[in-house]
Amino acid sequence: SITDALNAPGFEMFRRLIEDYERDNDVPMADIAAALALQSRDGAEFLMTEPPPEKRRERPDRPERERAPRKVRDDLATYRIAVGKRQKVNPGAIVGAIANEGGLHRSDFGHITIKVDHSLVELPARLPKEAWKKLENTRIQGVLIDLKPDRGRPSGPRATGGKPRRPKQ
């Protein structure tokens, strides 16, 4: 993240180079930052977007099956972890890391939803303290998972510039 990079080794050297460029070329700092961000992405998409939903293929040879509603388990709660599609994680990697590090069994897991920058994982509502402790330093794809209870959507202004969300009651 940008915040982490502010404390990274070599930061001061790059800061001096950019300040020199700003002074010598009379270019605003924001323009320099934007140009460097553009260069650093190396032709790749900078902001991740959700892919469009896949269209279901037609199967005329068999009737449409009705899906059974997912069972709600009262013993589970939703937790948020700091890895998602951007890190190219899949449910198996999430279950494997949390089960192995936290001493959980795959039957301790419920539904997993993978978003762009985070994932939501149903785990035991009363997660043992030993498991919390073991999971503090757990990484998936090299990223610290930062396991915490999910609080739902944040309130406040949206990143897209829309109207502020109403806080949950």
N, C-alpha and C. Protein backbone atom coordinates (compact mmCIF):
# COMPACT_ATOMS: atom_id res chain seq x y z
N SER A 1 0.84 -1.19 0.00
CA SER A 1 0.00 0.00 0.00
C SER A 1 0.88 1.24 0.00
N ILE A 2 0.30 2.35 -0.35
CA ILE A 2 1.03 3.62 -0.36
C ILE A 2 1.54 3.94 1.04
N THR A 3 0.70 3.73 2.04
CA THR A 3 1.09 4.03 3.42
C THR A 3 2.31 3.21 3.84
N ASP A 4 2.35 1.93 3.47
CA ASP A 4 3.50 1.09 3.80
C ASP A 4 4.75 1.58 3.08
N ALA A 5 4.60 2.00 1.82
CA ALA A 5 5.75 2.46 1.04
C ALA A 5 6.37 3.72 1.63
N LEU A 6 5.59 4.54 2.34
CA LEU A 6 6.13 5.77 2.94
C LEU A 6 7.21 5.48 3.97
N ASN A 7 7.23 4.27 4.51
CA ASN A 7 8.22 3.89 5.52
C ASN A 7 9.23 2.87 5.00
N ALA A 8 9.20 2.60 3.70
CA ALA A 8 10.07 1.58 3.13
C ALA A 8 11.50 2.10 2.97
N PRO A 9 12.49 1.19 3.01
CA PRO A 9 13.87 1.60 2.77
C PRO A 9 14.01 2.22 1.38
N GLY A 10 14.79 3.27 1.26
CA GLY A 10 15.00 3.93 -0.02
C GLY A 10 14.01 5.03 -0.32
N PHE A 11 12.99 5.18 0.54
CA PHE A 11 11.96 6.19 0.30
C PHE A 11 12.56 7.59 0.21
N GLU A 12 13.45 7.93 1.14
CA GLU A 12 14.02 9.28 1.18
C GLU A 12 14.80 9.61 -0.08
N MET A 13 15.53 8.64 -0.63
CA MET A 13 16.29 8.87 -1.85
C MET A 13 15.34 9.23 -3.00
N PHE A 14 14.25 8.46 -3.15
CA PHE A 14 13.29 8.74 -4.21
C PHE A 14 12.60 10.09 -3.97
N ARG A 15 12.33 10.39 -2.72
CA ARG A 15 11.70 11.67 -2.40
C ARG A 15 12.59 12.83 -2.86
N ARG A 16 13.91 12.74 -2.59
CA ARG A 16 14.83 13.80 -3.01
C ARG A 16 14.87 13.92 -4.54
N LEU A 17 14.88 12.78 -5.23
CA LEU A 17 14.89 12.81 -6.70
C LEU A 17 13.64 13.51 -7.24
N ILE A 18 12.50 13.20 -6.66
CA ILE A 18 11.25 13.80 -7.13
C ILE A 18 11.19 15.28 -6.78
N GLU A 19 11.65 15.65 -5.60
CA GLU A 19 11.68 17.07 -5.23
C GLU A 19 12.60 17.84 -6.17
N ASP A 20 13.76 17.25 -6.54
CA ASP A 20 14.67 17.89 -7.50
C ASP A 20 13.98 18.06 -8.85
N TYR A 21 13.27 17.02 -9.31
CA TYR A 21 12.56 17.08 -10.58
C TYR A 21 11.49 18.17 -10.54
N GLU A 22 10.76 18.22 -9.44
CA GLU A 22 9.71 19.23 -9.28
C GLU A 22 10.30 20.63 -9.37
N ARG A 23 11.39 20.85 -8.67
CA ARG A 23 12.03 22.17 -8.64
C ARG A 23 12.64 22.51 -10.01
N ASP A 24 13.37 21.58 -10.63
CA ASP A 24 14.07 21.84 -11.89
C ASP A 24 13.12 22.01 -13.07
N ASN A 25 11.97 21.35 -13.04
CA ASN A 25 11.06 21.37 -14.19
C ASN A 25 9.76 22.12 -13.94
N ASP A 26 9.60 22.65 -12.74
CA ASP A 26 8.40 23.41 -12.37
C ASP A 26 7.12 22.62 -12.71
N VAL A 27 7.09 21.38 -12.22
CA VAL A 27 5.94 20.50 -12.46
C VAL A 27 5.31 20.19 -11.10
N PRO A 28 3.97 20.28 -10.98
CA PRO A 28 3.32 19.99 -9.69
C PRO A 28 3.57 18.54 -9.25
N MET A 29 3.70 18.36 -7.94
CA MET A 29 3.98 17.05 -7.36
C MET A 29 2.92 16.01 -7.77
N ALA A 30 1.66 16.42 -7.80
CA ALA A 30 0.59 15.48 -8.17
C ALA A 30 0.77 14.98 -9.60
N ASP A 31 1.24 15.86 -10.51
CA ASP A 31 1.48 15.43 -11.90
C ASP A 31 2.63 14.43 -11.97
N ILE A 32 3.66 14.66 -11.18
CA ILE A 32 4.79 13.72 -11.14
C ILE A 32 4.32 12.37 -10.61
N ALA A 33 3.55 12.38 -9.53
CA ALA A 33 3.04 11.14 -8.94
C ALA A 33 2.17 10.38 -9.95
N ALA A 34 1.31 11.10 -10.66
CA ALA A 34 0.44 10.46 -11.65
C ALA A 34 1.26 9.85 -12.79
N ALA A 35 2.29 10.58 -13.25
CA ALA A 35 3.14 10.07 -14.33
C ALA A 35 3.90 8.81 -13.88
N LEU A 36 4.39 8.82 -12.65
CA LEU A 36 5.10 7.64 -12.13
C LEU A 36 4.15 6.45 -11.96
N ALA A 37 2.93 6.71 -11.50
CA ALA A 37 1.95 5.62 -11.37
C ALA A 37 1.64 5.02 -12.74
N LEU A 38 1.50 5.89 -13.75
CA LEU A 38 1.23 5.44 -15.10
C LEU A 38 2.38 4.57 -15.62
N GLN A 39 3.61 5.00 -15.37
CA GLN A 39 4.77 4.21 -15.79
C GLN A 39 4.86 2.88 -15.04
N SER A 40 4.54 2.89 -13.77
CA SER A 40 4.73 1.69 -12.95
C SER A 40 3.76 0.57 -13.29
N ARG A 41 2.64 0.89 -13.88
CA ARG A 41 1.66 -0.16 -14.16
C ARG A 41 2.05 -1.00 -15.37
N ASP A 42 3.02 -0.54 -16.17
CA ASP A 42 3.59 -1.33 -17.26
C ASP A 42 2.51 -1.89 -18.19
N GLY A 43 1.54 -1.06 -18.55
CA GLY A 43 0.50 -1.48 -19.47
C GLY A 43 -0.63 -2.26 -18.83
N ALA A 44 -0.50 -2.62 -17.56
CA ALA A 44 -1.55 -3.39 -16.89
C ALA A 44 -2.62 -2.44 -16.36
N GLU A 45 -3.80 -2.98 -16.13
CA GLU A 45 -4.89 -2.19 -15.56
C GLU A 45 -4.51 -1.77 -14.15
N PHE A 46 -4.63 -0.48 -13.83
CA PHE A 46 -4.22 0.03 -12.52
C PHE A 46 -5.31 -0.22 -11.48
N LEU A 47 -6.56 0.13 -11.80
CA LEU A 47 -7.67 -0.07 -10.87
C LEU A 47 -8.42 -1.33 -11.28
N MET A 48 -8.58 -2.23 -10.33
CA MET A 48 -9.30 -3.46 -10.63
C MET A 48 -10.79 -3.21 -10.64
N THR A 49 -11.47 -3.84 -11.56
CA THR A 49 -12.92 -3.75 -11.61
C THR A 49 -13.48 -5.16 -11.55
N GLU A 50 -14.70 -5.26 -11.07
CA GLU A 50 -15.36 -6.56 -11.03
C GLU A 50 -15.63 -7.00 -12.46
N PRO A 51 -15.31 -8.24 -12.82
CA PRO A 51 -15.61 -8.71 -14.17
C PRO A 51 -17.13 -8.84 -14.34
N PRO A 52 -17.60 -8.68 -15.58
CA PRO A 52 -19.05 -8.84 -15.78
C PRO A 52 -19.45 -10.28 -15.47
N PRO A 53 -20.67 -10.47 -14.98
CA PRO A 53 -21.10 -11.84 -14.65
C PRO A 53 -21.10 -12.70 -15.91
N GLU A 54 -20.69 -13.94 -15.75
CA GLU A 54 -20.67 -14.85 -16.89
C GLU A 54 -22.09 -15.22 -17.27
N LYS A 55 -22.31 -15.30 -18.57
CA LYS A 55 -23.63 -15.71 -19.04
C LYS A 55 -23.72 -17.22 -18.93
N ARG A 56 -24.86 -17.67 -18.49
CA ARG A 56 -25.07 -19.12 -18.37
C ARG A 56 -25.33 -19.69 -19.75
N ARG A 57 -24.71 -20.81 -20.01
CA ARG A 57 -24.91 -21.47 -21.29
C ARG A 57 -26.28 -22.14 -21.31
N GLU A 58 -26.87 -22.12 -22.47
CA GLU A 58 -28.16 -22.78 -22.65
C GLU A 58 -27.94 -24.30 -22.67
N ARG A 59 -28.81 -25.02 -22.00
CA ARG A 59 -28.76 -26.48 -22.00
C ARG A 59 -30.15 -27.00 -22.34
N PRO A 60 -30.47 -27.05 -23.60
CA PRO A 60 -31.82 -27.48 -23.96
C PRO A 60 -32.08 -28.96 -23.67
N ASP A 61 -31.01 -29.75 -23.49
CA ASP A 61 -31.20 -31.18 -23.31
C ASP A 61 -31.63 -31.58 -21.90
N ARG A 62 -31.60 -30.66 -20.94
CA ARG A 62 -32.08 -31.02 -19.60
C ARG A 62 -32.74 -29.81 -18.93
N PRO A 63 -33.71 -30.09 -18.08
CA PRO A 63 -34.45 -28.99 -17.44
C PRO A 63 -33.59 -28.26 -16.40
N GLU A 64 -33.94 -27.02 -16.16
CA GLU A 64 -33.26 -26.19 -15.15
C GLU A 64 -33.51 -26.77 -13.77
N ARG A 65 -32.44 -26.92 -12.99
CA ARG A 65 -32.59 -27.42 -11.62
C ARG A 65 -32.81 -26.25 -10.69
N GLU A 66 -33.59 -26.50 -9.69
CA GLU A 66 -33.81 -25.47 -8.67
C GLU A 66 -32.76 -25.67 -7.59
N ARG A 67 -32.09 -24.58 -7.22
CA ARG A 67 -31.07 -24.68 -6.17
C ARG A 67 -31.73 -24.66 -4.81
N ALA A 68 -31.21 -25.50 -3.95
CA ALA A 68 -31.70 -25.52 -2.57
C ALA A 68 -31.12 -24.31 -1.85
N PRO A 69 -31.88 -23.68 -0.98
CA PRO A 69 -31.33 -22.54 -0.25
C PRO A 69 -30.17 -23.00 0.64
N ARG A 70 -29.18 -22.13 0.75
CA ARG A 70 -28.02 -22.45 1.57
C ARG A 70 -28.43 -22.52 3.03
N LYS A 71 -27.93 -23.53 3.72
CA LYS A 71 -28.27 -23.69 5.13
C LYS A 71 -27.58 -22.60 5.94
N VAL A 72 -28.33 -22.00 6.84
CA VAL A 72 -27.77 -20.99 7.73
C VAL A 72 -27.29 -21.70 8.98
N ARG A 73 -26.04 -21.46 9.32
CA ARG A 73 -25.47 -22.09 10.51
C ARG A 73 -25.32 -21.02 11.58
N ASP A 74 -26.03 -21.20 12.69
CA ASP A 74 -25.98 -20.23 13.79
C ASP A 74 -24.64 -20.21 14.50
N ASP A 75 -23.85 -21.26 14.31
CA ASP A 75 -22.56 -21.34 15.00
C ASP A 75 -21.45 -20.59 14.25
N LEU A 76 -21.79 -19.99 13.10
CA LEU A 76 -20.79 -19.28 12.30
C LEU A 76 -21.02 -17.78 12.31
N ALA A 77 -19.93 -17.03 12.14
CA ALA A 77 -19.99 -15.58 12.00
C ALA A 77 -19.13 -15.22 10.79
N THR A 78 -19.38 -14.05 10.21
CA THR A 78 -18.62 -13.62 9.04
C THR A 78 -17.41 -12.81 9.48
N TYR A 79 -16.26 -13.18 8.93
CA TYR A 79 -15.00 -12.49 9.20
C TYR A 79 -14.47 -11.93 7.88
N ARG A 80 -13.71 -10.86 8.00
CA ARG A 80 -13.12 -10.21 6.82
C ARG A 80 -11.61 -10.47 6.83
N ILE A 81 -11.07 -10.82 5.66
CA ILE A 81 -9.62 -10.94 5.52
C ILE A 81 -9.16 -10.02 4.39
N ALA A 82 -7.91 -9.58 4.47
CA ALA A 82 -7.40 -8.53 3.58
C ALA A 82 -6.80 -9.06 2.28
N VAL A 83 -7.32 -10.15 1.77
CA VAL A 83 -6.88 -10.65 0.46
C VAL A 83 -8.11 -10.92 -0.39
N GLY A 84 -7.98 -10.69 -1.69
CA GLY A 84 -9.11 -10.90 -2.58
C GLY A 84 -8.66 -11.19 -4.00
N LYS A 85 -9.50 -10.81 -4.95
CA LYS A 85 -9.21 -11.10 -6.36
C LYS A 85 -7.92 -10.43 -6.83
N ARG A 86 -7.62 -9.27 -6.29
CA ARG A 86 -6.38 -8.58 -6.69
C ARG A 86 -5.16 -9.46 -6.39
N GLN A 87 -5.23 -10.26 -5.33
CA GLN A 87 -4.13 -11.15 -4.97
C GLN A 87 -4.30 -12.54 -5.61
N LYS A 88 -5.34 -12.67 -6.43
CA LYS A 88 -5.63 -13.92 -7.15
C LYS A 88 -5.82 -15.12 -6.21
N VAL A 89 -6.53 -14.89 -5.10
CA VAL A 89 -6.79 -15.99 -4.17
C VAL A 89 -8.02 -16.77 -4.61
N ASN A 90 -8.10 -18.00 -4.15
CA ASN A 90 -9.28 -18.82 -4.40
C ASN A 90 -9.71 -19.42 -3.07
N PRO A 91 -10.93 -19.94 -2.98
CA PRO A 91 -11.41 -20.47 -1.71
C PRO A 91 -10.49 -21.54 -1.11
N GLY A 92 -9.89 -22.37 -1.95
CA GLY A 92 -9.00 -23.41 -1.44
C GLY A 92 -7.79 -22.84 -0.72
N ALA A 93 -7.23 -21.74 -1.25
CA ALA A 93 -6.07 -21.11 -0.60
C ALA A 93 -6.48 -20.52 0.75
N ILE A 94 -7.68 -19.94 0.81
CA ILE A 94 -8.16 -19.35 2.06
C ILE A 94 -8.39 -20.44 3.11
N VAL A 95 -9.10 -21.49 2.72
CA VAL A 95 -9.37 -22.58 3.66
C VAL A 95 -8.05 -23.23 4.10
N GLY A 96 -7.17 -23.48 3.15
CA GLY A 96 -5.89 -24.11 3.48
C GLY A 96 -5.08 -23.31 4.47
N ALA A 97 -4.93 -22.01 4.22
CA ALA A 97 -4.11 -21.18 5.11
C ALA A 97 -4.73 -21.06 6.49
N ILE A 98 -6.03 -20.76 6.55
CA ILE A 98 -6.68 -20.55 7.85
C ILE A 98 -6.77 -21.87 8.63
N ALA A 99 -7.10 -22.96 7.94
CA ALA A 99 -7.20 -24.25 8.61
C ALA A 99 -5.83 -24.70 9.13
N ASN A 100 -4.81 -24.61 8.29
CA ASN A 100 -3.48 -25.07 8.71
C ASN A 100 -2.90 -24.20 9.82
N GLU A 101 -2.98 -22.89 9.67
CA GLU A 101 -2.38 -21.99 10.67
C GLU A 101 -3.21 -21.92 11.95
N GLY A 102 -4.54 -21.89 11.80
CA GLY A 102 -5.40 -21.70 12.96
C GLY A 102 -5.85 -22.98 13.64
N GLY A 103 -5.47 -24.12 13.07
CA GLY A 103 -5.86 -25.39 13.68
C GLY A 103 -7.34 -25.70 13.49
N LEU A 104 -7.93 -25.20 12.42
CA LEU A 104 -9.35 -25.44 12.15
C LEU A 104 -9.51 -26.58 11.16
N HIS A 105 -10.70 -27.15 11.11
CA HIS A 105 -11.03 -28.22 10.16
C HIS A 105 -11.87 -27.60 9.06
N ARG A 106 -11.86 -28.20 7.88
CA ARG A 106 -12.64 -27.60 6.79
C ARG A 106 -14.13 -27.54 7.09
N SER A 107 -14.60 -28.40 7.99
CA SER A 107 -16.01 -28.35 8.38
C SER A 107 -16.32 -27.12 9.24
N ASP A 108 -15.27 -26.42 9.72
CA ASP A 108 -15.47 -25.19 10.49
C ASP A 108 -15.77 -23.99 9.60
N PHE A 109 -15.68 -24.17 8.28
CA PHE A 109 -15.87 -23.08 7.34
C PHE A 109 -17.27 -23.09 6.76
N GLY A 110 -17.80 -21.91 6.54
CA GLY A 110 -19.07 -21.76 5.85
C GLY A 110 -18.80 -21.15 4.49
N HIS A 111 -19.63 -20.23 4.10
CA HIS A 111 -19.54 -19.59 2.79
C HIS A 111 -18.33 -18.66 2.72
N ILE A 112 -17.70 -18.60 1.55
CA ILE A 112 -16.57 -17.70 1.30
C ILE A 112 -16.93 -16.83 0.11
N THR A 113 -16.84 -15.51 0.28
CA THR A 113 -17.09 -14.57 -0.81
C THR A 113 -15.80 -13.80 -1.07
N ILE A 114 -15.30 -13.89 -2.30
CA ILE A 114 -14.05 -13.21 -2.64
C ILE A 114 -14.38 -11.93 -3.41
N LYS A 115 -14.00 -10.79 -2.84
CA LYS A 115 -14.20 -9.48 -3.46
C LYS A 115 -12.87 -9.03 -4.07
N VAL A 116 -12.82 -7.80 -4.61
CA VAL A 116 -11.61 -7.31 -5.25
C VAL A 116 -10.45 -7.23 -4.26
N ASP A 117 -10.63 -6.53 -3.14
CA ASP A 117 -9.53 -6.29 -2.21
C ASP A 117 -9.66 -7.02 -0.88
N HIS A 118 -10.70 -7.80 -0.69
CA HIS A 118 -10.88 -8.53 0.57
C HIS A 118 -11.78 -9.73 0.31
N SER A 119 -11.88 -10.57 1.31
CA SER A 119 -12.79 -11.72 1.23
C SER A 119 -13.56 -11.82 2.53
N LEU A 120 -14.75 -12.39 2.44
CA LEU A 120 -15.59 -12.63 3.61
C LEU A 120 -15.65 -14.14 3.82
N VAL A 121 -15.34 -14.56 5.03
CA VAL A 121 -15.24 -15.99 5.34
C VAL A 121 -16.09 -16.28 6.57
N GLU A 122 -16.97 -17.28 6.47
CA GLU A 122 -17.75 -17.70 7.64
C GLU A 122 -16.92 -18.71 8.42
N LEU A 123 -16.67 -18.38 9.69
CA LEU A 123 -15.89 -19.21 10.60
C LEU A 123 -16.66 -19.35 11.91
N PRO A 124 -16.21 -20.21 12.81
CA PRO A 124 -16.91 -20.33 14.09
C PRO A 124 -17.09 -18.98 14.78
N ALA A 125 -18.30 -18.70 15.24
CA ALA A 125 -18.59 -17.42 15.89
C ALA A 125 -17.74 -17.25 17.14
N ARG A 126 -17.49 -18.33 17.83
CA ARG A 126 -16.65 -18.28 19.03
C ARG A 126 -15.29 -18.89 18.69
N LEU A 127 -14.53 -18.16 17.89
CA LEU A 127 -13.20 -18.60 17.47
C LEU A 127 -12.29 -18.63 18.70
N PRO A 128 -11.68 -19.77 19.00
CA PRO A 128 -10.82 -19.87 20.20
C PRO A 128 -9.67 -18.86 20.17
N LYS A 129 -9.29 -18.38 21.36
CA LYS A 129 -8.19 -17.40 21.47
C LYS A 129 -6.90 -17.95 20.86
N GLU A 130 -6.67 -19.25 21.01
CA GLU A 130 -5.46 -19.86 20.45
C GLU A 130 -5.46 -19.70 18.93
N ALA A 131 -6.62 -19.89 18.31
CA ALA A 131 -6.72 -19.75 16.86
C ALA A 131 -6.46 -18.31 16.44
N TRP A 132 -7.05 -17.34 17.17
CA TRP A 132 -6.81 -15.91 16.88
C TRP A 132 -5.32 -15.62 16.90
N LYS A 133 -4.66 -16.11 17.96
CA LYS A 133 -3.23 -15.85 18.15
C LYS A 133 -2.43 -16.43 16.98
N LYS A 134 -2.74 -17.67 16.61
CA LYS A 134 -2.02 -18.32 15.52
C LYS A 134 -2.26 -17.62 14.18
N LEU A 135 -3.45 -17.04 14.00
CA LEU A 135 -3.79 -16.42 12.72
C LEU A 135 -3.28 -14.98 12.57
N GLU A 136 -2.73 -14.40 13.65
CA GLU A 136 -2.26 -13.01 13.60
C GLU A 136 -1.21 -12.78 12.51
N ASN A 137 -0.35 -13.75 12.27
CA ASN A 137 0.73 -13.58 11.29
C ASN A 137 0.52 -14.40 10.02
N THR A 138 -0.69 -14.88 9.81
CA THR A 138 -0.98 -15.70 8.64
C THR A 138 -0.99 -14.85 7.37
N ARG A 139 -0.38 -15.39 6.33
CA ARG A 139 -0.32 -14.71 5.04
C ARG A 139 -0.87 -15.63 3.96
N ILE A 140 -1.51 -15.01 2.98
CA ILE A 140 -1.95 -15.72 1.79
C ILE A 140 -1.40 -14.92 0.62
N GLN A 141 -0.72 -15.59 -0.31
CA GLN A 141 -0.07 -14.92 -1.44
C GLN A 141 0.88 -13.83 -0.94
N GLY A 142 1.48 -14.03 0.22
CA GLY A 142 2.42 -13.06 0.77
C GLY A 142 1.80 -11.88 1.48
N VAL A 143 0.47 -11.83 1.56
CA VAL A 143 -0.23 -10.70 2.17
C VAL A 143 -0.79 -11.13 3.53
N LEU A 144 -0.53 -10.33 4.56
CA LEU A 144 -1.08 -10.58 5.89
C LEU A 144 -2.60 -10.54 5.80
N ILE A 145 -3.28 -11.57 6.32
CA ILE A 145 -4.74 -11.64 6.12
C ILE A 145 -5.51 -10.65 6.99
N ASP A 146 -4.95 -10.22 8.11
CA ASP A 146 -5.60 -9.24 8.99
C ASP A 146 -7.05 -9.65 9.30
N LEU A 147 -7.21 -10.84 9.86
CA LEU A 147 -8.53 -11.39 10.19
C LEU A 147 -9.23 -10.52 11.23
N LYS A 148 -10.48 -10.14 10.93
CA LYS A 148 -11.29 -9.40 11.89
C LYS A 148 -12.76 -9.65 11.62
N PRO A 149 -13.61 -9.54 12.64
CA PRO A 149 -15.05 -9.71 12.41
C PRO A 149 -15.54 -8.70 11.39
N ASP A 150 -16.40 -9.15 10.47
CA ASP A 150 -16.93 -8.25 9.45
C ASP A 150 -17.99 -7.35 10.07
N ARG A 151 -17.90 -6.08 9.79
CA ARG A 151 -18.85 -5.09 10.32
C ARG A 151 -19.84 -4.63 9.25
N GLY A 152 -19.84 -5.28 8.08
CA GLY A 152 -20.73 -4.87 7.00
C GLY A 152 -20.11 -3.74 6.21
N ARG A 153 -20.91 -3.15 5.34
CA ARG A 153 -20.40 -2.05 4.51
C ARG A 153 -20.10 -0.84 5.36
N PRO A 154 -19.00 -0.14 5.06
CA PRO A 154 -18.67 1.06 5.84
C PRO A 154 -19.63 2.19 5.52
N SER A 155 -19.83 3.08 6.50
CA SER A 155 -20.64 4.26 6.24
C SER A 155 -19.71 5.36 5.76
N GLY A 156 -20.27 6.46 5.31
CA GLY A 156 -19.44 7.57 4.84
C GLY A 156 -19.51 7.68 3.33
N PRO A 157 -18.75 8.63 2.75
CA PRO A 157 -18.82 8.84 1.31
C PRO A 157 -18.26 7.64 0.56
N ARG A 158 -18.82 7.38 -0.60
CA ARG A 158 -18.36 6.27 -1.43
C ARG A 158 -17.12 6.70 -2.19
N ALA A 159 -16.29 5.74 -2.50
CA ALA A 159 -15.07 6.02 -3.25
C ALA A 159 -15.38 6.54 -4.65
N THR A 160 -16.56 6.23 -5.17
CA THR A 160 -16.94 6.65 -6.51
C THR A 160 -17.47 8.07 -6.53
N GLY A 161 -17.53 8.72 -5.38
CA GLY A 161 -17.99 10.10 -5.32
C GLY A 161 -19.49 10.23 -5.18
N GLY A 162 -20.18 9.14 -4.91
CA GLY A 162 -21.63 9.18 -4.76
C GLY A 162 -22.04 9.75 -3.42
N LYS A 163 -23.32 9.64 -3.15
CA LYS A 163 -23.84 10.12 -1.87
C LYS A 163 -23.32 9.26 -0.73
N PRO A 164 -23.17 9.84 0.47
CA PRO A 164 -22.71 9.03 1.61
C PRO A 164 -23.70 7.92 1.92
N ARG A 165 -23.17 6.80 2.36
CA ARG A 165 -24.03 5.68 2.78
C ARG A 165 -24.62 5.99 4.14
N ARG A 166 -25.76 5.43 4.40
CA ARG A 166 -26.35 5.56 5.73
C ARG A 166 -25.72 4.52 6.64
N PRO A 167 -25.33 4.91 7.85
CA PRO A 167 -24.79 3.90 8.77
C PRO A 167 -25.86 2.89 9.12
N LYS A 168 -25.43 1.64 9.35
CA LYS A 168 -26.39 0.60 9.74
C LYS A 168 -26.95 0.90 11.11
N GLN A 169 -28.23 0.63 11.28
CA GLN A 169 -28.89 0.89 12.57
C GLN A 169 -28.74 -0.29 13.47
